Amino acid sequence: MPLSHDDQVTLLKDILNNHQADCCGSVAECEQLERLVKSLMVNTQVDENVKNILQEVYQYSQHGAQTADLDQHISSNQDNLSQWVNNIDQLS
């Protein structure tokens, strides 16, 4: 059963919150973020302002999946992670 729009947004925020709180993550989580963002980007229910944030999250997840030091990548994006979650909360 596919995830609903709301479930996708919730999962996206959960992964971003975990990265922000734990300062660590996995390549699988980055790949999951990529899949979620791709799915949300084609969804007509998603606000254009959220799509701009999703593009940034997609770039973050792509870089994270390819970096040699994922924990450092997450640590260096702490401010972004917090801002993305706050913005998604306000716009969705």
PDB file of N, CA and C in Angstrom:
ATOM      1  N   MET A   1       0.851  -1.181   0.000  1.00  0.00           N
ATOM      2  CA  MET A   1       0.000   0.000   0.000  1.00  0.00           C
ATOM      3  C   MET A   1       0.897   1.245   0.000  1.00  0.00           C
ATOM      4  N   PRO A   2       0.714   2.140  -0.966  1.00  0.00           N
ATOM      5  CA  PRO A   2       1.553   3.350  -1.014  1.00  0.00           C
ATOM      6  C   PRO A   2       1.247   4.298   0.147  1.00  0.00           C
ATOM      7  N   LEU A   3       2.253   5.064   0.505  1.00  0.00           N
ATOM      8  CA  LEU A   3       2.087   6.054   1.574  1.00  0.00           C
ATOM      9  C   LEU A   3       1.284   7.243   1.058  1.00  0.00           C
ATOM     10  N   SER A   4       0.419   7.763   1.904  1.00  0.00           N
ATOM     11  CA  SER A   4      -0.329   8.969   1.549  1.00  0.00           C
ATOM     12  C   SER A   4       0.616  10.171   1.580  1.00  0.00           C
ATOM     13  N   HIS A   5       0.152  11.276   1.033  1.00  0.00           N
ATOM     14  CA  HIS A   5       0.921  12.526   1.046  1.00  0.00           C
ATOM     15  C   HIS A   5       1.320  12.886   2.467  1.00  0.00           C
ATOM     16  N   ASP A   6       0.363  12.835   3.387  1.00  0.00           N
ATOM     17  CA  ASP A   6       0.638  13.183   4.788  1.00  0.00           C
ATOM     18  C   ASP A   6       1.665  12.237   5.410  1.00  0.00           C
ATOM     19  N   ASP A   7       1.545  10.942   5.095  1.00  0.00           N
ATOM     20  CA  ASP A   7       2.500   9.958   5.623  1.00  0.00           C
ATOM     21  C   ASP A   7       3.905  10.220   5.081  1.00  0.00           C
ATOM     22  N   GLN A   8       3.989  10.588   3.798  1.00  0.00           N
ATOM     23  CA  GLN A   8       5.293  10.885   3.203  1.00  0.00           C
ATOM     24  C   GLN A   8       5.937  12.095   3.870  1.00  0.00           C
ATOM     25  N   VAL A   9       5.148  13.134   4.094  1.00  0.00           N
ATOM     26  CA  VAL A   9       5.667  14.344   4.748  1.00  0.00           C
ATOM     27  C   VAL A   9       6.107  14.014   6.175  1.00  0.00           C
ATOM     28  N   THR A  10       5.317  13.226   6.872  1.00  0.00           N
ATOM     29  CA  THR A  10       5.658  12.847   8.243  1.00  0.00           C
ATOM     30  C   THR A  10       6.955  12.050   8.276  1.00  0.00           C
ATOM     31  N   LEU A  11       7.102  11.091   7.371  1.00  0.00           N
ATOM     32  CA  LEU A  11       8.323  10.286   7.320  1.00  0.00           C
ATOM     33  C   LEU A  11       9.526  11.153   6.977  1.00  0.00           C
ATOM     34  N   LEU A  12       9.363  12.055   6.028  1.00  0.00           N
ATOM     35  CA  LEU A  12      10.435  12.983   5.654  1.00  0.00           C
ATOM     36  C   LEU A  12      10.885  13.788   6.871  1.00  0.00           C
ATOM     37  N   LYS A  13       9.933  14.360   7.587  1.00  0.00           N
ATOM     38  CA  LYS A  13      10.267  15.162   8.771  1.00  0.00           C
ATOM     39  C   LYS A  13      10.908  14.297   9.859  1.00  0.00           C
ATOM     40  N   ASP A  14      10.431  13.062  10.021  1.00  0.00           N
ATOM     41  CA  ASP A  14      11.009  12.162  11.034  1.00  0.00           C
ATOM     42  C   ASP A  14      12.483  11.889  10.758  1.00  0.00           C
ATOM     43  N   ILE A  15      12.814  11.593   9.497  1.00  0.00           N
ATOM     44  CA  ILE A  15      14.210  11.304   9.156  1.00  0.00           C
ATOM     45  C   ILE A  15      15.066  12.553   9.364  1.00  0.00           C
ATOM     46  N   LEU A  16      14.562  13.708   8.900  1.00  0.00           N
ATOM     47  CA  LEU A  16      15.323  14.952   9.080  1.00  0.00           C
ATOM     48  C   LEU A  16      15.493  15.272  10.563  1.00  0.00           C
ATOM     49  N   ASN A  17      14.435  15.087  11.353  1.00  0.00           N
ATOM     50  CA  ASN A  17      14.521  15.322  12.801  1.00  0.00           C
ATOM     51  C   ASN A  17      15.541  14.391  13.446  1.00  0.00           C
ATOM     52  N   ASN A  18      15.560  13.125  13.032  1.00  0.00           N
ATOM     53  CA  ASN A  18      16.519  12.167  13.586  1.00  0.00           C
ATOM     54  C   ASN A  18      17.946  12.564  13.239  1.00  0.00           C
ATOM     55  N   HIS A  19      18.164  12.978  12.002  1.00  0.00           N
ATOM     56  CA  HIS A  19      19.510  13.431  11.619  1.00  0.00           C
ATOM     57  C   HIS A  19      19.913  14.642  12.463  1.00  0.00           C
ATOM     58  N   GLN A  20      18.979  15.543  12.654  1.00  0.00           N
ATOM     59  CA  GLN A  20      19.266  16.767  13.414  1.00  0.00           C
ATOM     60  C   GLN A  20      19.538  16.443  14.883  1.00  0.00           C
ATOM     61  N   ALA A  21      18.735  15.586  15.462  1.00  0.00           N
ATOM     62  CA  ALA A  21      18.865  15.279  16.890  1.00  0.00           C
ATOM     63  C   ALA A  21      20.064  14.375  17.182  1.00  0.00           C
ATOM     64  N   ASP A  22      20.304  13.384  16.317  1.00  0.00           N
ATOM     65  CA  ASP A  22      21.336  12.385  16.577  1.00  0.00           C
ATOM     66  C   ASP A  22      22.697  12.735  15.971  1.00  0.00           C
ATOM     67  N   CYS A  23      22.708  13.690  15.042  1.00  0.00           N
ATOM     68  CA  CYS A  23      23.943  14.061  14.315  1.00  0.00           C
ATOM     69  C   CYS A  23      24.570  12.863  13.620  1.00  0.00           C
ATOM     70  N   CYS A  24      23.749  11.895  13.257  1.00  0.00           N
ATOM     71  CA  CYS A  24      24.235  10.750  12.506  1.00  0.00           C
ATOM     72  C   CYS A  24      23.069  10.145  11.734  1.00  0.00           C
ATOM     73  N   GLY A  25      23.401   9.300  10.786  1.00  0.00           N
ATOM     74  CA  GLY A  25      22.386   8.654   9.979  1.00  0.00           C
ATOM     75  C   GLY A  25      23.017   7.582   9.125  1.00  0.00           C
ATOM     76  N   SER A  26      22.242   7.076   8.167  1.00  0.00           N
ATOM     77  CA  SER A  26      22.740   6.008   7.307  1.00  0.00           C
ATOM     78  C   SER A  26      22.529   6.363   5.843  1.00  0.00           C
ATOM     79  N   VAL A  27      23.267   5.692   4.997  1.00  0.00           N
ATOM     80  CA  VAL A  27      23.096   5.877   3.557  1.00  0.00           C
ATOM     81  C   VAL A  27      21.663   5.483   3.171  1.00  0.00           C
ATOM     82  N   ALA A  28      21.144   4.440   3.792  1.00  0.00           N
ATOM     83  CA  ALA A  28      19.768   4.002   3.499  1.00  0.00           C
ATOM     84  C   ALA A  28      18.758   5.117   3.811  1.00  0.00           C
ATOM     85  N   GLU A  29      18.993   5.862   4.889  1.00  0.00           N
ATOM     86  CA  GLU A  29      18.096   6.989   5.205  1.00  0.00           C
ATOM     87  C   GLU A  29      18.201   8.076   4.143  1.00  0.00           C
ATOM     88  N   CYS A  30      19.394   8.351   3.686  1.00  0.00           N
ATOM     89  CA  CYS A  30      19.573   9.347   2.618  1.00  0.00           C
ATOM     90  C   CYS A  30      18.867   8.897   1.346  1.00  0.00           C
ATOM     91  N   GLU A  31      18.977   7.617   1.026  1.00  0.00           N
ATOM     92  CA  GLU A  31      18.298   7.093  -0.156  1.00  0.00           C
ATOM     93  C   GLU A  31      16.786   7.157   0.020  1.00  0.00           C
ATOM     94  N   GLN A  32      16.293   6.909   1.232  1.00  0.00           N
ATOM     95  CA  GLN A  32      14.861   7.016   1.516  1.00  0.00           C
ATOM     96  C   GLN A  32      14.407   8.461   1.354  1.00  0.00           C
ATOM     97  N   LEU A  33      15.210   9.422   1.823  1.00  0.00           N
ATOM     98  CA  LEU A  33      14.882  10.833   1.628  1.00  0.00           C
ATOM     99  C   LEU A  33      14.759  11.157   0.141  1.00  0.00           C
ATOM    100  N   GLU A  34      15.684  10.652  -0.658  1.00  0.00           N
ATOM    101  CA  GLU A  34      15.642  10.890  -2.103  1.00  0.00           C
ATOM    102  C   GLU A  34      14.332  10.379  -2.692  1.00  0.00           C
ATOM    103  N   ARG A  35      13.935   9.161  -2.320  1.00  0.00           N
ATOM    104  CA  ARG A  35      12.694   8.587  -2.855  1.00  0.00           C
ATOM    105  C   ARG A  35      11.472   9.389  -2.409  1.00  0.00           C
ATOM    106  N   LEU A  36      11.452   9.792  -1.145  1.00  0.00           N
ATOM    107  CA  LEU A  36      10.336  10.590  -0.638  1.00  0.00           C
ATOM    108  C   LEU A  36      10.229  11.928  -1.373  1.00  0.00           C
ATOM    109  N   VAL A  37      11.362  12.591  -1.546  1.00  0.00           N
ATOM    110  CA  VAL A  37      11.365  13.891  -2.217  1.00  0.00           C
ATOM    111  C   VAL A  37      10.886  13.737  -3.660  1.00  0.00           C
ATOM    112  N   LYS A  38      11.385  12.728  -4.360  1.00  0.00           N
ATOM    113  CA  LYS A  38      10.954  12.510  -5.739  1.00  0.00           C
ATOM    114  C   LYS A  38       9.438  12.334  -5.816  1.00  0.00           C
ATOM    115  N   SER A  39       8.909  11.559  -4.911  1.00  0.00           N
ATOM    116  CA  SER A  39       7.469  11.304  -4.890  1.00  0.00           C
ATOM    117  C   SER A  39       6.680  12.572  -4.580  1.00  0.00           C
ATOM    118  N   LEU A  40       7.161  13.343  -3.617  1.00  0.00           N
ATOM    119  CA  LEU A  40       6.462  14.574  -3.235  1.00  0.00           C
ATOM    120  C   LEU A  40       6.572  15.649  -4.312  1.00  0.00           C
ATOM    121  N   MET A  41       7.674  15.674  -5.042  1.00  0.00           N
ATOM    122  CA  MET A  41       7.867  16.700  -6.081  1.00  0.00           C
ATOM    123  C   MET A  41       6.852  16.579  -7.211  1.00  0.00           C
ATOM    124  N   VAL A  42       6.399  15.380  -7.501  1.00  0.00           N
ATOM    125  CA  VAL A  42       5.426  15.192  -8.579  1.00  0.00           C
ATOM    126  C   VAL A  42       3.983  15.271  -8.083  1.00  0.00           C
ATOM    127  N   ASN A  43       3.819  15.415  -6.780  1.00  0.00           N
ATOM    128  CA  ASN A  43       2.482  15.489  -6.188  1.00  0.00           C
ATOM    129  C   ASN A  43       1.930  16.904  -6.334  1.00  0.00           C
ATOM    130  N   THR A  44       0.757  17.027  -6.935  1.00  0.00           N
ATOM    131  CA  THR A  44       0.156  18.344  -7.158  1.00  0.00           C
ATOM    132  C   THR A  44      -0.366  18.979  -5.873  1.00  0.00           C
ATOM    133  N   GLN A  45      -0.499  18.212  -4.806  1.00  0.00           N
ATOM    134  CA  GLN A  45      -0.970  18.751  -3.521  1.00  0.00           C
ATOM    135  C   GLN A  45       0.115  19.549  -2.801  1.00  0.00           C
ATOM    136  N   VAL A  46       1.358  19.366  -3.217  1.00  0.00           N
ATOM    137  CA  VAL A  46       2.482  19.977  -2.507  1.00  0.00           C
ATOM    138  C   VAL A  46       2.639  21.435  -2.948  1.00  0.00           C
ATOM    139  N   ASP A  47       2.678  22.327  -1.978  1.00  0.00           N
ATOM    140  CA  ASP A  47       2.860  23.754  -2.203  1.00  0.00           C
ATOM    141  C   ASP A  47       4.195  24.016  -2.894  1.00  0.00           C
ATOM    142  N   GLU A  48       4.220  25.008  -3.779  1.00  0.00           N
ATOM    143  CA  GLU A  48       5.456  25.347  -4.507  1.00  0.00           C
ATOM    144  C   GLU A  48       6.596  25.736  -3.560  1.00  0.00           C
ATOM    145  N   ASN A  49       6.273  26.408  -2.457  1.00  0.00           N
ATOM    146  CA  ASN A  49       7.303  26.793  -1.489  1.00  0.00           C
ATOM    147  C   ASN A  49       7.928  25.559  -0.836  1.00  0.00           C
ATOM    148  N   VAL A  50       7.115  24.535  -0.613  1.00  0.00           N
ATOM    149  CA  VAL A  50       7.627  23.286  -0.050  1.00  0.00           C
ATOM    150  C   VAL A  50       8.528  22.602  -1.080  1.00  0.00           C
ATOM    151  N   LYS A  51       8.173  22.712  -2.355  1.00  0.00           N
ATOM    152  CA  LYS A  51       9.001  22.084  -3.398  1.00  0.00           C
ATOM    153  C   LYS A  51      10.403  22.683  -3.427  1.00  0.00           C
ATOM    154  N   ASN A  52      10.522  23.963  -3.150  1.00  0.00           N
ATOM    155  CA  ASN A  52      11.853  24.577  -3.071  1.00  0.00           C
ATOM    156  C   ASN A  52      12.666  23.954  -1.939  1.00  0.00           C
ATOM    157  N   ILE A  53      12.031  23.741  -0.809  1.00  0.00           N
ATOM    158  CA  ILE A  53      12.693  23.094   0.334  1.00  0.00           C
ATOM    159  C   ILE A  53      13.051  21.651  -0.031  1.00  0.00           C
ATOM    160  N   LEU A  54      12.129  20.973  -0.694  1.00  0.00           N
ATOM    161  CA  LEU A  54      12.372  19.589  -1.074  1.00  0.00           C
ATOM    162  C   LEU A  54      13.584  19.467  -1.992  1.00  0.00           C
ATOM    163  N   GLN A  55      13.776  20.438  -2.858  1.00  0.00           N
ATOM    164  CA  GLN A  55      14.945  20.424  -3.746  1.00  0.00           C
ATOM    165  C   GLN A  55      16.233  20.502  -2.927  1.00  0.00           C
ATOM    166  N   GLU A  56      16.226  21.334  -1.888  1.00  0.00           N
ATOM    167  CA  GLU A  56      17.400  21.434  -1.012  1.00  0.00           C
ATOM    168  C   GLU A  56      17.627  20.125  -0.255  1.00  0.00           C
ATOM    169  N   VAL A  57      16.535  19.519   0.222  1.00  0.00           N
ATOM    170  CA  VAL A  57      16.635  18.242   0.943  1.00  0.00           C
ATOM    171  C   VAL A  57      17.172  17.162   0.004  1.00  0.00           C
ATOM    172  N   TYR A  58      16.733  17.196  -1.249  1.00  0.00           N
ATOM    173  CA  TYR A  58      17.199  16.214  -2.225  1.00  0.00           C
ATOM    174  C   TYR A  58      18.714  16.332  -2.433  1.00  0.00           C
ATOM    175  N   GLN A  59      19.196  17.557  -2.567  1.00  0.00           N
ATOM    176  CA  GLN A  59      20.633  17.771  -2.736  1.00  0.00           C
ATOM    177  C   GLN A  59      21.398  17.298  -1.495  1.00  0.00           C
ATOM    178  N   TYR A  60      20.846  17.601  -0.318  1.00  0.00           N
ATOM    179  CA  TYR A  60      21.447  17.153   0.949  1.00  0.00           C
ATOM    180  C   TYR A  60      21.532  15.625   0.983  1.00  0.00           C
ATOM    181  N   SER A  61      20.441  14.958   0.603  1.00  0.00           N
ATOM    182  CA  SER A  61      20.412  13.496   0.683  1.00  0.00           C
ATOM    183  C   SER A  61      21.328  12.867  -0.362  1.00  0.00           C
ATOM    184  N   GLN A  62      21.386  13.453  -1.551  1.00  0.00           N
ATOM    185  CA  GLN A  62      22.292  12.927  -2.579  1.00  0.00           C
ATOM    186  C   GLN A  62      23.745  13.026  -2.125  1.00  0.00           C
ATOM    187  N   HIS A  63      24.098  14.184  -1.608  1.00  0.00           N
ATOM    188  CA  HIS A  63      25.475  14.368  -1.140  1.00  0.00           C
ATOM    189  C   HIS A  63      25.756  13.427   0.030  1.00  0.00           C
ATOM    190  N   GLY A  64      24.787  13.285   0.926  1.00  0.00           N
ATOM    191  CA  GLY A  64      24.956  12.404   2.083  1.00  0.00           C
ATOM    192  C   GLY A  64      25.158  10.950   1.690  1.00  0.00           C
ATOM    193  N   ALA A  65      24.440  10.505   0.666  1.00  0.00           N
ATOM    194  CA  ALA A  65      24.551   9.108   0.233  1.00  0.00           C
ATOM    195  C   ALA A  65      25.903   8.828  -0.418  1.00  0.00           C
ATOM    196  N   GLN A  66      26.572   9.880  -0.899  1.00  0.00           N
ATOM    197  CA  GLN A  66      27.826   9.700  -1.628  1.00  0.00           C
ATOM    198  C   GLN A  66      29.071  10.087  -0.822  1.00  0.00           C
ATOM    199  N   THR A  67      28.894  10.723   0.322  1.00  0.00           N
ATOM    200  CA  THR A  67      30.030  11.221   1.075  1.00  0.00           C
ATOM    201  C   THR A  67      30.737  10.096   1.831  1.00  0.00           C
ATOM    202  N   ALA A  68      32.017  10.287   2.063  1.00  0.00           N
ATOM    203  CA  ALA A  68      32.792   9.314   2.831  1.00  0.00           C
ATOM    204  C   ALA A  68      32.537   9.466   4.328  1.00  0.00           C
ATOM    205  N   ASP A  69      32.101  10.648   4.767  1.00  0.00           N
ATOM    206  CA  ASP A  69      31.867  10.911   6.194  1.00  0.00           C
ATOM    207  C   ASP A  69      30.464  11.484   6.382  1.00  0.00           C
ATOM    208  N   LEU A  70      29.480  10.578   6.424  1.00  0.00           N
ATOM    209  CA  LEU A  70      28.079  10.982   6.523  1.00  0.00           C
ATOM    210  C   LEU A  70      27.804  11.754   7.809  1.00  0.00           C
ATOM    211  N   ASP A  71      28.381  11.330   8.920  1.00  0.00           N
ATOM    212  CA  ASP A  71      28.128  12.023  10.190  1.00  0.00           C
ATOM    213  C   ASP A  71      28.595  13.482  10.124  1.00  0.00           C
ATOM    214  N   GLN A  72      29.732  13.722   9.486  1.00  0.00           N
ATOM    215  CA  GLN A  72      30.223  15.091   9.329  1.00  0.00           C
ATOM    216  C   GLN A  72      29.289  15.892   8.426  1.00  0.00           C
ATOM    217  N   HIS A  73      28.796  15.264   7.370  1.00  0.00           N
ATOM    218  CA  HIS A  73      27.847  15.921   6.457  1.00  0.00           C
ATOM    219  C   HIS A  73      26.587  16.346   7.228  1.00  0.00           C
ATOM    220  N   ILE A  74      26.088  15.446   8.060  1.00  0.00           N
ATOM    221  CA  ILE A  74      24.896  15.748   8.861  1.00  0.00           C
ATOM    222  C   ILE A  74      25.203  16.870   9.854  1.00  0.00           C
ATOM    223  N   SER A  75      26.333  16.782  10.520  1.00  0.00           N
ATOM    224  CA  SER A  75      26.706  17.811  11.494  1.00  0.00           C
ATOM    225  C   SER A  75      26.828  19.183  10.843  1.00  0.00           C
ATOM    226  N   SER A  76      27.382  19.223   9.654  1.00  0.00           N
ATOM    227  CA  SER A  76      27.572  20.514   8.986  1.00  0.00           C
ATOM    228  C   SER A  76      26.260  21.090   8.435  1.00  0.00           C
ATOM    229  N   ASN A  77      25.191  20.299   8.454  1.00  0.00           N
ATOM    230  CA  ASN A  77      23.891  20.763   7.965  1.00  0.00           C
ATOM    231  C   ASN A  77      22.857  20.910   9.087  1.00  0.00           C
ATOM    232  N   GLN A  78      23.316  21.007  10.325  1.00  0.00           N
ATOM    233  CA  GLN A  78      22.392  21.097  11.457  1.00  0.00           C
ATOM    234  C   GLN A  78      21.390  22.250  11.312  1.00  0.00           C
ATOM    235  N   ASP A  79      21.875  23.418  10.960  1.00  0.00           N
ATOM    236  CA  ASP A  79      20.983  24.571  10.812  1.00  0.00           C
ATOM    237  C   ASP A  79      19.970  24.336   9.699  1.00  0.00           C
ATOM    238  N   ASN A  80      20.422  23.782   8.587  1.00  0.00           N
ATOM    239  CA  ASN A  80      19.526  23.494   7.474  1.00  0.00           C
ATOM    240  C   ASN A  80      18.452  22.492   7.872  1.00  0.00           C
ATOM    241  N   LEU A  81      18.851  21.434   8.558  1.00  0.00           N
ATOM    242  CA  LEU A  81      17.898  20.406   8.970  1.00  0.00           C
ATOM    243  C   LEU A  81      16.782  21.004   9.818  1.00  0.00           C
ATOM    244  N   SER A  82      17.155  21.802  10.790  1.00  0.00           N
ATOM    245  CA  SER A  82      16.176  22.444  11.666  1.00  0.00           C
ATOM    246  C   SER A  82      15.257  23.374  10.867  1.00  0.00           C
ATOM    247  N   GLN A  83      15.852  24.160   9.986  1.00  0.00           N
ATOM    248  CA  GLN A  83      15.086  25.111   9.178  1.00  0.00           C
ATOM    249  C   GLN A  83      14.120  24.390   8.231  1.00  0.00           C
ATOM    250  N   TRP A  84      14.573  23.323   7.610  1.00  0.00           N
ATOM    251  CA  TRP A  84      13.702  22.581   6.682  1.00  0.00           C
ATOM    252  C   TRP A  84      12.485  22.024   7.404  1.00  0.00           C
ATOM    253  N   VAL A  85      12.685  21.418   8.563  1.00  0.00           N
ATOM    254  CA  VAL A  85      11.562  20.844   9.311  1.00  0.00           C
ATOM    255  C   VAL A  85      10.589  21.943   9.716  1.00  0.00           C
ATOM    256  N   ASN A  86      11.116  23.059  10.225  1.00  0.00           N
ATOM    257  CA  ASN A  86      10.245  24.174  10.616  1.00  0.00           C
ATOM    258  C   ASN A  86       9.448  24.702   9.427  1.00  0.00           C
ATOM    259  N   ASN A  87      10.106  24.875   8.295  1.00  0.00           N
ATOM    260  CA  ASN A  87       9.430  25.394   7.107  1.00  0.00           C
ATOM    261  C   ASN A  87       8.384  24.430   6.581  1.00  0.00           C
ATOM    262  N   ILE A  88       8.694  23.151   6.577  1.00  0.00           N
ATOM    263  CA  ILE A  88       7.718  22.159   6.120  1.00  0.00           C
ATOM    264  C   ILE A  88       6.512  22.145   7.036  1.00  0.00           C
ATOM    265  N   ASP A  89       6.741  22.247   8.357  1.00  0.00           N
ATOM    266  CA  ASP A  89       5.634  22.309   9.317  1.00  0.00           C
ATOM    267  C   ASP A  89       4.715  23.498   9.022  1.00  0.00           C
ATOM    268  N   GLN A  90       5.301  24.640   8.742  1.00  0.00           N
ATOM    269  CA  GLN A  90       4.514  25.853   8.528  1.00  0.00           C
ATOM    270  C   GLN A  90       3.773  25.823   7.202  1.00  0.00           C
ATOM    271  N   LEU A  91       4.347  25.215   6.184  1.00  0.00           N
ATOM    272  CA  LEU A  91       3.772  25.274   4.842  1.00  0.00           C
ATOM    273  C   LEU A  91       2.874  24.089   4.505  1.00  0.00           C
ATOM    274  N   SER A  92       2.986  23.011   5.251  1.00  0.00           N
ATOM    275  CA  SER A  92       2.179  21.843   4.898  1.00  0.00           C
ATOM    276  C   SER A  92       0.933  21.734   5.751  1.00  0.00           C
TER     277      SER A  92
END
